[in-house]
């Protein structure tokens, strides 16, 4: 089993380093499709709250939303955990 914690932290590192995020998310998505072991990927929900007031925070939120959607699209199961209570999504 492989655990990747946390996707949003990886995104923030790429943004700060001024590296491209979407291509890296696509690469991860393709790797997940080929990987035969169970993988657990952890990410933070960033799109529910109030829209950030600065460009960098808005960029982060957009990149995180897009990455989460790309990864969830190839997952066998997606769970949303709120207050440590899992809620099955897919």
N, C-alpha and C. Protein backbone atom coordinates (compact mmCIF):
# COMPACT_ATOMS: atom_id res chain seq x y z
N UNK A 1 0.84 -1.17 0.00
CA UNK A 1 0.00 0.00 0.00
C UNK A 1 0.90 1.24 0.00
N UNK A 2 0.42 2.26 -0.70
CA UNK A 2 1.14 3.53 -0.78
C UNK A 2 0.26 4.63 -0.21
N UNK A 3 0.84 5.49 0.62
CA UNK A 3 0.14 6.64 1.18
C UNK A 3 0.82 7.91 0.69
N UNK A 4 0.03 8.80 0.07
CA UNK A 4 0.53 10.10 -0.35
C UNK A 4 -0.21 11.14 0.48
N UNK A 5 0.51 11.82 1.33
CA UNK A 5 -0.07 12.82 2.22
C UNK A 5 0.85 14.02 2.25
N UNK A 6 0.53 15.03 1.67
CA UNK A 6 -0.77 15.56 1.31
C UNK A 6 -0.64 16.20 -0.08
N UNK A 7 -1.61 15.99 -0.93
CA UNK A 7 -1.57 16.55 -2.28
C UNK A 7 -1.52 18.08 -2.25
N UNK A 8 -2.28 18.69 -1.37
CA UNK A 8 -2.30 20.16 -1.34
C UNK A 8 -0.95 20.73 -0.90
N UNK A 9 -0.23 20.02 -0.05
CA UNK A 9 1.10 20.48 0.32
C UNK A 9 2.04 20.42 -0.88
N UNK A 10 1.93 19.37 -1.67
CA UNK A 10 2.74 19.25 -2.89
C UNK A 10 2.41 20.38 -3.87
N UNK A 11 1.13 20.72 -3.96
CA UNK A 11 0.71 21.80 -4.84
C UNK A 11 1.31 23.13 -4.38
N UNK A 12 1.24 23.40 -3.10
CA UNK A 12 1.78 24.67 -2.60
C UNK A 12 3.29 24.77 -2.84
N UNK A 13 4.00 23.65 -2.70
CA UNK A 13 5.44 23.66 -2.97
C UNK A 13 5.71 23.99 -4.44
N UNK A 14 4.92 23.42 -5.34
CA UNK A 14 5.10 23.69 -6.78
C UNK A 14 4.80 25.15 -7.10
N UNK A 15 3.76 25.69 -6.51
CA UNK A 15 3.40 27.08 -6.77
C UNK A 15 4.50 28.01 -6.27
N UNK A 16 4.98 27.79 -5.07
CA UNK A 16 6.03 28.64 -4.50
C UNK A 16 7.31 28.55 -5.34
N UNK A 17 7.61 27.35 -5.85
CA UNK A 17 8.80 27.17 -6.69
C UNK A 17 8.55 27.62 -8.13
N UNK A 18 7.34 28.13 -8.38
CA UNK A 18 6.93 28.57 -9.73
C UNK A 18 7.05 27.45 -10.75
N UNK A 19 6.67 26.24 -10.31
CA UNK A 19 6.64 25.07 -11.20
C UNK A 19 5.21 24.82 -11.64
N UNK A 20 5.07 24.17 -12.77
CA UNK A 20 3.77 23.88 -13.34
C UNK A 20 3.07 22.80 -12.50
N UNK A 21 1.77 22.99 -12.21
CA UNK A 21 1.03 22.08 -11.34
C UNK A 21 0.20 21.09 -12.13
N UNK A 22 -0.52 21.54 -13.13
CA UNK A 22 -1.45 20.67 -13.85
C UNK A 22 -0.75 19.49 -14.50
N UNK A 23 0.39 19.71 -15.12
CA UNK A 23 1.13 18.61 -15.73
C UNK A 23 1.56 17.57 -14.71
N UNK A 24 1.97 18.03 -13.53
CA UNK A 24 2.36 17.10 -12.47
C UNK A 24 1.16 16.30 -11.99
N UNK A 25 0.00 16.94 -11.92
CA UNK A 25 -1.22 16.22 -11.52
C UNK A 25 -1.60 15.19 -12.57
N UNK A 26 -1.47 15.54 -13.84
CA UNK A 26 -1.74 14.59 -14.92
C UNK A 26 -0.78 13.40 -14.85
N UNK A 27 0.50 13.67 -14.59
CA UNK A 27 1.49 12.60 -14.46
C UNK A 27 1.11 11.66 -13.31
N UNK A 28 0.67 12.24 -12.19
CA UNK A 28 0.27 11.42 -11.05
C UNK A 28 -0.96 10.60 -11.39
N UNK A 29 -1.89 11.20 -12.10
CA UNK A 29 -3.11 10.49 -12.50
C UNK A 29 -2.77 9.28 -13.37
N UNK A 30 -1.86 9.45 -14.32
CA UNK A 30 -1.46 8.33 -15.18
C UNK A 30 -0.72 7.27 -14.38
N UNK A 31 0.10 7.69 -13.43
CA UNK A 31 0.83 6.73 -12.59
C UNK A 31 -0.14 5.91 -11.74
N UNK A 32 -1.17 6.56 -11.23
CA UNK A 32 -2.17 5.85 -10.41
C UNK A 32 -2.88 4.79 -11.24
N UNK A 33 -3.20 5.11 -12.49
CA UNK A 33 -3.85 4.13 -13.37
C UNK A 33 -2.99 2.90 -13.59
N UNK A 34 -1.67 3.07 -13.67
CA UNK A 34 -0.76 1.96 -13.92
C UNK A 34 -0.39 1.19 -12.64
N UNK A 35 -0.49 1.84 -11.51
CA UNK A 35 -0.06 1.26 -10.24
C UNK A 35 -1.04 0.19 -9.81
N UNK A 36 -0.56 -0.96 -9.43
CA UNK A 36 -1.43 -2.09 -9.09
C UNK A 36 -1.69 -2.24 -7.60
N UNK A 37 -0.92 -1.57 -6.78
CA UNK A 37 -1.14 -1.63 -5.34
C UNK A 37 -2.23 -0.65 -4.93
N UNK A 38 -2.74 -0.84 -3.73
CA UNK A 38 -3.68 0.11 -3.17
C UNK A 38 -2.94 1.40 -2.84
N UNK A 39 -3.54 2.50 -3.22
CA UNK A 39 -2.96 3.81 -2.93
C UNK A 39 -4.00 4.64 -2.19
N UNK A 40 -3.54 5.35 -1.19
CA UNK A 40 -4.39 6.29 -0.47
C UNK A 40 -3.77 7.66 -0.64
N UNK A 41 -4.54 8.57 -1.18
CA UNK A 41 -4.07 9.93 -1.38
C UNK A 41 -4.90 10.86 -0.52
N UNK A 42 -4.24 11.72 0.21
CA UNK A 42 -4.91 12.63 1.14
C UNK A 42 -4.77 14.05 0.59
N UNK A 43 -5.86 14.79 0.66
CA UNK A 43 -5.85 16.17 0.20
C UNK A 43 -6.79 16.98 1.08
N UNK A 44 -6.63 18.27 1.05
CA UNK A 44 -7.52 19.16 1.80
C UNK A 44 -8.59 19.72 0.88
N UNK A 45 -9.77 19.93 1.41
CA UNK A 45 -10.84 20.59 0.68
C UNK A 45 -10.59 22.09 0.77
N UNK A 46 -10.54 22.76 -0.35
CA UNK A 46 -10.24 24.19 -0.34
C UNK A 46 -11.31 25.03 -1.01
N UNK A 47 -12.33 24.42 -1.58
CA UNK A 47 -13.31 25.18 -2.36
C UNK A 47 -14.61 25.48 -1.68
N UNK A 48 -14.77 25.09 -0.43
CA UNK A 48 -16.06 25.28 0.24
C UNK A 48 -16.19 26.67 0.87
N UNK A 49 -15.10 27.22 1.33
CA UNK A 49 -15.14 28.49 2.06
C UNK A 49 -15.25 29.71 1.16
N UNK A 50 -15.04 30.83 1.75
CA UNK A 50 -15.08 32.12 1.05
C UNK A 50 -13.89 32.20 0.09
N UNK A 51 -14.11 32.80 -1.07
CA UNK A 51 -13.03 32.97 -2.04
C UNK A 51 -11.92 33.83 -1.46
N UNK A 52 -10.67 33.39 -1.61
CA UNK A 52 -9.55 34.18 -1.08
C UNK A 52 -9.48 35.56 -1.72
N UNK A 53 -8.91 36.51 -0.97
CA UNK A 53 -8.86 37.89 -1.46
C UNK A 53 -7.56 38.22 -2.19
N UNK A 54 -6.61 37.27 -2.29
CA UNK A 54 -5.36 37.60 -2.97
C UNK A 54 -5.09 36.60 -4.09
N UNK A 55 -4.38 37.03 -5.11
CA UNK A 55 -4.16 36.20 -6.30
C UNK A 55 -3.46 34.86 -6.02
N UNK A 56 -2.47 34.85 -5.15
CA UNK A 56 -1.75 33.61 -4.86
C UNK A 56 -2.66 32.58 -4.21
N UNK A 57 -3.47 33.02 -3.27
CA UNK A 57 -4.39 32.10 -2.59
C UNK A 57 -5.46 31.60 -3.56
N UNK A 58 -5.91 32.46 -4.47
CA UNK A 58 -6.89 32.03 -5.48
C UNK A 58 -6.26 31.02 -6.43
N UNK A 59 -5.01 31.25 -6.80
CA UNK A 59 -4.30 30.29 -7.66
C UNK A 59 -4.20 28.94 -6.96
N UNK A 60 -3.80 28.96 -5.70
CA UNK A 60 -3.68 27.72 -4.93
C UNK A 60 -5.02 26.99 -4.88
N UNK A 61 -6.09 27.71 -4.58
CA UNK A 61 -7.40 27.08 -4.50
C UNK A 61 -7.80 26.45 -5.83
N UNK A 62 -7.58 27.17 -6.92
CA UNK A 62 -7.92 26.64 -8.24
C UNK A 62 -7.10 25.41 -8.61
N UNK A 63 -5.80 25.46 -8.34
CA UNK A 63 -4.93 24.32 -8.64
C UNK A 63 -5.31 23.11 -7.79
N UNK A 64 -5.62 23.34 -6.52
CA UNK A 64 -6.00 22.24 -5.64
C UNK A 64 -7.33 21.63 -6.08
N UNK A 65 -8.29 22.45 -6.44
CA UNK A 65 -9.57 21.92 -6.92
C UNK A 65 -9.38 21.08 -8.17
N UNK A 66 -8.59 21.58 -9.11
CA UNK A 66 -8.37 20.85 -10.36
C UNK A 66 -7.63 19.53 -10.09
N UNK A 67 -6.60 19.58 -9.26
CA UNK A 67 -5.85 18.36 -8.94
C UNK A 67 -6.75 17.34 -8.25
N UNK A 68 -7.53 17.77 -7.28
CA UNK A 68 -8.42 16.85 -6.58
C UNK A 68 -9.40 16.18 -7.55
N UNK A 69 -9.92 16.95 -8.49
CA UNK A 69 -10.86 16.40 -9.46
C UNK A 69 -10.18 15.40 -10.40
N UNK A 70 -8.96 15.73 -10.85
CA UNK A 70 -8.23 14.82 -11.74
C UNK A 70 -7.95 13.48 -11.06
N UNK A 71 -7.51 13.55 -9.81
CA UNK A 71 -7.18 12.34 -9.08
C UNK A 71 -8.44 11.55 -8.75
N UNK A 72 -9.49 12.22 -8.31
CA UNK A 72 -10.74 11.54 -7.97
C UNK A 72 -11.34 10.83 -9.18
N UNK A 73 -11.13 11.37 -10.36
CA UNK A 73 -11.70 10.78 -11.58
C UNK A 73 -11.15 9.39 -11.88
N UNK A 74 -9.95 9.08 -11.41
CA UNK A 74 -9.37 7.76 -11.68
C UNK A 74 -9.41 6.85 -10.45
N UNK A 75 -9.96 7.35 -9.35
CA UNK A 75 -10.01 6.56 -8.12
C UNK A 75 -11.14 5.53 -8.17
N UNK A 76 -10.91 4.41 -7.53
CA UNK A 76 -11.97 3.42 -7.38
C UNK A 76 -12.96 3.85 -6.31
N UNK A 77 -12.48 4.61 -5.36
CA UNK A 77 -13.32 5.07 -4.26
C UNK A 77 -12.80 6.42 -3.78
N UNK A 78 -13.73 7.30 -3.45
CA UNK A 78 -13.39 8.61 -2.91
C UNK A 78 -14.17 8.78 -1.62
N UNK A 79 -13.49 9.20 -0.57
CA UNK A 79 -14.17 9.48 0.68
C UNK A 79 -13.87 10.90 1.12
N UNK A 80 -14.89 11.54 1.60
CA UNK A 80 -14.74 12.87 2.18
C UNK A 80 -14.83 12.69 3.69
N UNK A 81 -13.85 13.18 4.40
CA UNK A 81 -13.82 13.02 5.84
C UNK A 81 -13.99 14.39 6.48
N UNK A 82 -15.03 14.50 7.30
CA UNK A 82 -15.31 15.74 8.01
C UNK A 82 -15.39 15.40 9.49
N UNK A 83 -14.60 16.09 10.27
CA UNK A 83 -14.57 15.83 11.72
C UNK A 83 -14.31 14.35 11.99
N UNK A 84 -13.42 13.77 11.20
CA UNK A 84 -13.00 12.38 11.31
C UNK A 84 -14.10 11.36 11.03
N UNK A 85 -15.19 11.78 10.41
CA UNK A 85 -16.28 10.87 10.07
C UNK A 85 -16.31 10.71 8.55
N UNK A 86 -15.96 9.51 8.03
CA UNK A 86 -15.94 9.34 6.58
C UNK A 86 -17.34 9.33 5.98
N UNK A 87 -17.43 9.94 4.79
CA UNK A 87 -18.68 9.96 4.04
C UNK A 87 -18.34 9.49 2.63
N UNK A 88 -18.89 8.36 2.21
CA UNK A 88 -18.58 7.83 0.89
C UNK A 88 -19.12 8.77 -0.19
N UNK A 89 -18.25 9.09 -1.17
CA UNK A 89 -18.61 10.01 -2.24
C UNK A 89 -18.88 9.26 -3.52
N UNK A 90 -18.03 8.27 -3.83
CA UNK A 90 -18.12 7.59 -5.12
C UNK A 90 -18.06 6.11 -4.91
